[in-house]
């Protein structure tokens, strides 16, 4: 920038003044704050979608278990436990394609037979999936299948959601 000296002659000035730099840094700080505040609003929907994808994966794993075991779903867990450890074959190979985690706290999902805690409010040790099985009577064939009907319930955003099969 060009500026005038006391005697009226122009002098050649290189760079920016300290005041100009402070103003630019302040403006960048305001923009960065606005971006960070807006970015936070997208994490909740992303976590909800991640949870629903995990539940679909669990539902598929339960269906695979039932198809391999004559229509019987896995036994109910005797106490609260990690769903990833619960749903494994006898030889240690799991039915799940990837571990199921609670996206809101990063912990493994806990399965139980009691009323679950809301997924987004759960701590690492809270049950977030309620699983129950009952005997299923097939009306077409007349066959009774032990553990042939399952119910999987979770609470998301205060609303209980239940998956049933068949």
C-alpha atoms as a PDB file:
ATOM      1  CA  UNK A   1       0.000   0.000   0.000  1.00  0.00           C
ATOM      2  CA  UNK A   2       1.102   3.485  -0.615  1.00  0.00           C
ATOM      3  CA  UNK A   3       0.961   6.067   2.152  1.00  0.00           C
ATOM      4  CA  UNK A   4       2.003   9.710   2.572  1.00  0.00           C
ATOM      5  CA  UNK A   5       4.773  10.813   4.862  1.00  0.00           C
ATOM      6  CA  UNK A   6       4.712  14.003   6.914  1.00  0.00           C
ATOM      7  CA  UNK A   7       6.255  16.120   4.162  1.00  0.00           C
ATOM      8  CA  UNK A   8       3.667  14.854   1.601  1.00  0.00           C
ATOM      9  CA  UNK A   9       5.851  12.462  -0.323  1.00  0.00           C
ATOM     10  CA  UNK A  10       4.606   8.955  -0.955  1.00  0.00           C
ATOM     11  CA  UNK A  11       6.493   6.078   0.576  1.00  0.00           C
ATOM     12  CA  UNK A  12       6.446   2.480  -0.502  1.00  0.00           C
ATOM     13  CA  UNK A  13       5.117   0.241   2.302  1.00  0.00           C
ATOM     14  CA  UNK A  14       5.485  -3.563   2.134  1.00  0.00           C
ATOM     15  CA  UNK A  15       3.264  -6.039   4.077  1.00  0.00           C
ATOM     16  CA  UNK A  16       0.286  -5.501   6.325  1.00  0.00           C
ATOM     17  CA  UNK A  17      -0.038  -3.539   9.525  1.00  0.00           C
ATOM     18  CA  UNK A  18      -0.637  -5.335  12.825  1.00  0.00           C
ATOM     19  CA  UNK A  19      -4.204  -3.972  12.946  1.00  0.00           C
ATOM     20  CA  UNK A  20      -5.013  -5.405   9.507  1.00  0.00           C
ATOM     21  CA  UNK A  21      -3.697  -8.831  10.542  1.00  0.00           C
ATOM     22  CA  UNK A  22      -5.736  -8.807  13.781  1.00  0.00           C
ATOM     23  CA  UNK A  23      -8.910  -7.948  11.860  1.00  0.00           C
ATOM     24  CA  UNK A  24      -8.330 -10.806   9.369  1.00  0.00           C
ATOM     25  CA  UNK A  25      -7.649 -13.326  12.160  1.00  0.00           C
ATOM     26  CA  UNK A  26     -10.794 -12.197  14.007  1.00  0.00           C
ATOM     27  CA  UNK A  27     -12.929 -12.622  10.879  1.00  0.00           C
ATOM     28  CA  UNK A  28     -11.482 -16.090  10.259  1.00  0.00           C
ATOM     29  CA  UNK A  29     -12.220 -17.015  13.876  1.00  0.00           C
ATOM     30  CA  UNK A  30     -15.855 -15.938  13.523  1.00  0.00           C
ATOM     31  CA  UNK A  31     -16.233 -17.967  10.314  1.00  0.00           C
ATOM     32  CA  UNK A  32     -14.631 -21.037  11.896  1.00  0.00           C
ATOM     33  CA  UNK A  33     -16.965 -20.804  14.896  1.00  0.00           C
ATOM     34  CA  UNK A  34     -20.023 -20.588  12.644  1.00  0.00           C
ATOM     35  CA  UNK A  35     -18.884 -23.619  10.633  1.00  0.00           C
ATOM     36  CA  UNK A  36     -18.262 -25.695  13.780  1.00  0.00           C
ATOM     37  CA  UNK A  37     -21.674 -24.833  15.241  1.00  0.00           C
ATOM     38  CA  UNK A  38     -23.414 -25.847  12.022  1.00  0.00           C
ATOM     39  CA  UNK A  39     -21.391 -29.059  11.637  1.00  0.00           C
ATOM     40  CA  UNK A  40     -22.679 -30.318  15.003  1.00  0.00           C
ATOM     41  CA  UNK A  41     -26.249 -30.500  13.739  1.00  0.00           C
ATOM     42  CA  UNK A  42     -25.339 -33.282  11.301  1.00  0.00           C
ATOM     43  CA  UNK A  43     -23.888 -35.749  13.828  1.00  0.00           C
ATOM     44  CA  UNK A  44     -27.217 -36.844  15.358  1.00  0.00           C
ATOM     45  CA  UNK A  45     -28.836 -37.903  12.039  1.00  0.00           C
ATOM     46  CA  UNK A  46     -25.609 -39.667  11.069  1.00  0.00           C
ATOM     47  CA  UNK A  47     -25.604 -41.598  14.377  1.00  0.00           C
ATOM     48  CA  UNK A  48     -29.270 -42.533  13.894  1.00  0.00           C
ATOM     49  CA  UNK A  49     -28.516 -43.882  10.415  1.00  0.00           C
ATOM     50  CA  UNK A  50     -25.498 -45.806  11.706  1.00  0.00           C
ATOM     51  CA  UNK A  51     -27.654 -47.379  14.444  1.00  0.00           C
ATOM     52  CA  UNK A  52     -30.415 -48.375  12.017  1.00  0.00           C
ATOM     53  CA  UNK A  53     -27.835 -49.922   9.688  1.00  0.00           C
ATOM     54  CA  UNK A  54     -26.433 -51.926  12.620  1.00  0.00           C
ATOM     55  CA  UNK A  55     -29.937 -53.114  13.531  1.00  0.00           C
ATOM     56  CA  UNK A  56     -30.496 -54.264   9.933  1.00  0.00           C
ATOM     57  CA  UNK A  57     -27.219 -56.179  10.135  1.00  0.00           C
ATOM     58  CA  UNK A  58     -28.338 -57.789  13.421  1.00  0.00           C
ATOM     59  CA  UNK A  59     -31.719 -58.689  11.938  1.00  0.00           C
ATOM     60  CA  UNK A  60     -29.981 -60.383   8.996  1.00  0.00           C
ATOM     61  CA  UNK A  61     -27.641 -62.257  11.343  1.00  0.00           C
ATOM     62  CA  UNK A  62     -30.612 -63.524  13.364  1.00  0.00           C
ATOM     63  CA  UNK A  63     -32.321 -64.667  10.145  1.00  0.00           C
ATOM     64  CA  UNK A  64     -29.163 -66.519   9.091  1.00  0.00           C
ATOM     65  CA  UNK A  65     -29.011 -68.210  12.496  1.00  0.00           C
ATOM     66  CA  UNK A  66     -32.653 -69.265  12.201  1.00  0.00           C
ATOM     67  CA  UNK A  67     -32.229 -70.602   8.667  1.00  0.00           C
ATOM     68  CA  UNK A  68     -29.225 -72.709   9.691  1.00  0.00           C
ATOM     69  CA  UNK A  69     -30.913 -73.979  12.876  1.00  0.00           C
ATOM     70  CA  UNK A  70     -34.261 -75.223  11.570  1.00  0.00           C
ATOM     71  CA  UNK A  71     -36.119 -71.951  12.071  1.00  0.00           C
ATOM     72  CA  UNK A  72     -35.005 -71.426  15.664  1.00  0.00           C
ATOM     73  CA  UNK A  73     -33.627 -68.074  16.701  1.00  0.00           C
ATOM     74  CA  UNK A  74     -30.836 -67.905  19.314  1.00  0.00           C
ATOM     75  CA  UNK A  75     -31.768 -68.408  22.969  1.00  0.00           C
ATOM     76  CA  UNK A  76     -32.398 -65.307  25.035  1.00  0.00           C
ATOM     77  CA  UNK A  77     -29.307 -64.111  26.893  1.00  0.00           C
ATOM     78  CA  UNK A  78     -29.383 -65.139  30.554  1.00  0.00           C
ATOM     79  CA  UNK A  79     -28.136 -61.692  31.566  1.00  0.00           C
ATOM     80  CA  UNK A  80     -27.107 -58.452  29.883  1.00  0.00           C
ATOM     81  CA  UNK A  81     -24.191 -59.004  27.537  1.00  0.00           C
ATOM     82  CA  UNK A  82     -22.351 -57.695  24.491  1.00  0.00           C
ATOM     83  CA  UNK A  83     -24.469 -58.550  21.437  1.00  0.00           C
ATOM     84  CA  UNK A  84     -21.308 -59.320  19.451  1.00  0.00           C
ATOM     85  CA  UNK A  85     -20.289 -62.057  21.925  1.00  0.00           C
ATOM     86  CA  UNK A  86     -23.844 -63.361  22.273  1.00  0.00           C
ATOM     87  CA  UNK A  87     -24.405 -63.972  18.573  1.00  0.00           C
ATOM     88  CA  UNK A  88     -21.526 -66.311  17.702  1.00  0.00           C
ATOM     89  CA  UNK A  89     -21.497 -69.884  16.528  1.00  0.00           C
ATOM     90  CA  UNK A  90     -20.123 -72.613  18.766  1.00  0.00           C
ATOM     91  CA  UNK A  91     -16.810 -72.499  16.902  1.00  0.00           C
ATOM     92  CA  UNK A  92     -16.415 -68.771  17.566  1.00  0.00           C
ATOM     93  CA  UNK A  93     -17.288 -67.604  14.050  1.00  0.00           C
ATOM     94  CA  UNK A  94     -19.912 -64.899  14.241  1.00  0.00           C
ATOM     95  CA  UNK A  95     -23.048 -64.369  12.217  1.00  0.00           C
ATOM     96  CA  UNK A  96     -22.462 -60.624  12.158  1.00  0.00           C
ATOM     97  CA  UNK A  97     -20.524 -59.104   9.284  1.00  0.00           C
ATOM     98  CA  UNK A  98     -19.160 -56.382  11.585  1.00  0.00           C
ATOM     99  CA  UNK A  99     -19.362 -55.626  15.315  1.00  0.00           C
ATOM    100  CA  UNK A 100     -22.441 -53.728  16.443  1.00  0.00           C
ATOM    101  CA  UNK A 101     -21.581 -50.600  18.385  1.00  0.00           C
ATOM    102  CA  UNK A 102     -23.682 -47.825  19.831  1.00  0.00           C
ATOM    103  CA  UNK A 103     -22.768 -44.853  17.589  1.00  0.00           C
ATOM    104  CA  UNK A 104     -23.740 -42.361  20.288  1.00  0.00           C
ATOM    105  CA  UNK A 105     -21.104 -43.538  22.789  1.00  0.00           C
ATOM    106  CA  UNK A 106     -18.879 -45.885  20.754  1.00  0.00           C
ATOM    107  CA  UNK A 107     -19.421 -48.824  23.124  1.00  0.00           C
ATOM    108  CA  UNK A 108     -20.540 -52.300  22.113  1.00  0.00           C
ATOM    109  CA  UNK A 109     -24.323 -52.714  22.050  1.00  0.00           C
ATOM    110  CA  UNK A 110     -25.652 -54.554  25.113  1.00  0.00           C
ATOM    111  CA  UNK A 111     -28.529 -57.026  24.685  1.00  0.00           C
ATOM    112  CA  UNK A 112     -30.881 -58.162  27.471  1.00  0.00           C
ATOM    113  CA  UNK A 113     -34.432 -59.363  28.148  1.00  0.00           C
ATOM    114  CA  UNK A 114     -35.520 -56.294  30.128  1.00  0.00           C
ATOM    115  CA  UNK A 115     -36.685 -52.854  28.991  1.00  0.00           C
ATOM    116  CA  UNK A 116     -33.781 -51.158  27.206  1.00  0.00           C
ATOM    117  CA  UNK A 117     -32.315 -47.713  27.805  1.00  0.00           C
ATOM    118  CA  UNK A 118     -32.696 -45.157  25.019  1.00  0.00           C
ATOM    119  CA  UNK A 119     -29.793 -45.676  22.612  1.00  0.00           C
ATOM    120  CA  UNK A 120     -28.620 -42.063  22.585  1.00  0.00           C
ATOM    121  CA  UNK A 121     -28.693 -41.789  26.408  1.00  0.00           C
ATOM    122  CA  UNK A 122     -27.104 -45.158  27.232  1.00  0.00           C
ATOM    123  CA  UNK A 123     -23.781 -45.563  28.967  1.00  0.00           C
ATOM    124  CA  UNK A 124     -21.358 -48.314  27.946  1.00  0.00           C
ATOM    125  CA  UNK A 125     -22.939 -50.812  30.382  1.00  0.00           C
ATOM    126  CA  UNK A 126     -26.628 -50.042  29.697  1.00  0.00           C
ATOM    127  CA  UNK A 127     -28.832 -52.487  27.819  1.00  0.00           C
ATOM    128  CA  UNK A 128     -29.965 -50.947  24.502  1.00  0.00           C
ATOM    129  CA  UNK A 129     -31.551 -54.018  22.855  1.00  0.00           C
ATOM    130  CA  UNK A 130     -34.352 -56.087  24.357  1.00  0.00           C
ATOM    131  CA  UNK A 131     -34.552 -59.575  22.828  1.00  0.00           C
ATOM    132  CA  UNK A 132     -37.201 -62.187  23.478  1.00  0.00           C
ATOM    133  CA  UNK A 133     -38.039 -65.472  21.773  1.00  0.00           C
ATOM    134  CA  UNK A 134     -41.141 -67.650  21.966  1.00  0.00           C
ATOM    135  CA  UNK A 135     -42.330 -70.901  20.478  1.00  0.00           C
ATOM    136  CA  UNK A 136     -43.893 -70.410  17.065  1.00  0.00           C
ATOM    137  CA  UNK A 137     -46.798 -72.470  15.788  1.00  0.00           C
ATOM    138  CA  UNK A 138     -46.793 -72.592  11.994  1.00  0.00           C
ATOM    139  CA  UNK A 139     -50.440 -72.446  10.909  1.00  0.00           C
ATOM    140  CA  UNK A 140     -49.715 -73.997   7.507  1.00  0.00           C
ATOM    141  CA  UNK A 141     -47.630 -77.017   8.474  1.00  0.00           C
ATOM    142  CA  UNK A 142     -48.908 -77.347  12.038  1.00  0.00           C
ATOM    143  CA  UNK A 143     -45.322 -77.601  13.305  1.00  0.00           C
ATOM    144  CA  UNK A 144     -44.217 -75.982  16.548  1.00  0.00           C
ATOM    145  CA  UNK A 145     -40.775 -74.389  16.413  1.00  0.00           C
ATOM    146  CA  UNK A 146     -38.995 -73.762  19.699  1.00  0.00           C
ATOM    147  CA  UNK A 147     -37.571 -70.198  19.666  1.00  0.00           C
ATOM    148  CA  UNK A 148     -39.282 -69.773  16.304  1.00  0.00           C
ATOM    149  CA  UNK A 149     -40.522 -66.240  16.911  1.00  0.00           C
ATOM    150  CA  UNK A 150     -38.345 -63.341  18.014  1.00  0.00           C
ATOM    151  CA  UNK A 151     -38.834 -59.757  19.066  1.00  0.00           C
ATOM    152  CA  UNK A 152     -36.060 -57.152  19.129  1.00  0.00           C
ATOM    153  CA  UNK A 153     -36.834 -53.770  20.723  1.00  0.00           C
ATOM    154  CA  UNK A 154     -34.789 -50.598  21.072  1.00  0.00           C
ATOM    155  CA  UNK A 155     -35.640 -47.018  22.016  1.00  0.00           C
ATOM    156  CA  UNK A 156     -34.447 -44.169  19.814  1.00  0.00           C
ATOM    157  CA  UNK A 157     -35.341 -40.536  20.457  1.00  0.00           C
ATOM    158  CA  UNK A 158     -37.809 -41.683  23.133  1.00  0.00           C
ATOM    159  CA  UNK A 159     -39.752 -43.881  20.687  1.00  0.00           C
ATOM    160  CA  UNK A 160     -39.662 -47.683  21.086  1.00  0.00           C
ATOM    161  CA  UNK A 161     -39.125 -49.593  17.848  1.00  0.00           C
ATOM    162  CA  UNK A 162     -39.727 -53.342  17.625  1.00  0.00           C
ATOM    163  CA  UNK A 163     -38.708 -55.827  14.962  1.00  0.00           C
ATOM    164  CA  UNK A 164     -40.479 -59.178  14.903  1.00  0.00           C
ATOM    165  CA  UNK A 165     -39.983 -62.338  12.931  1.00  0.00           C
ATOM    166  CA  UNK A 166     -41.867 -64.136  11.598  1.00  0.00           C
END
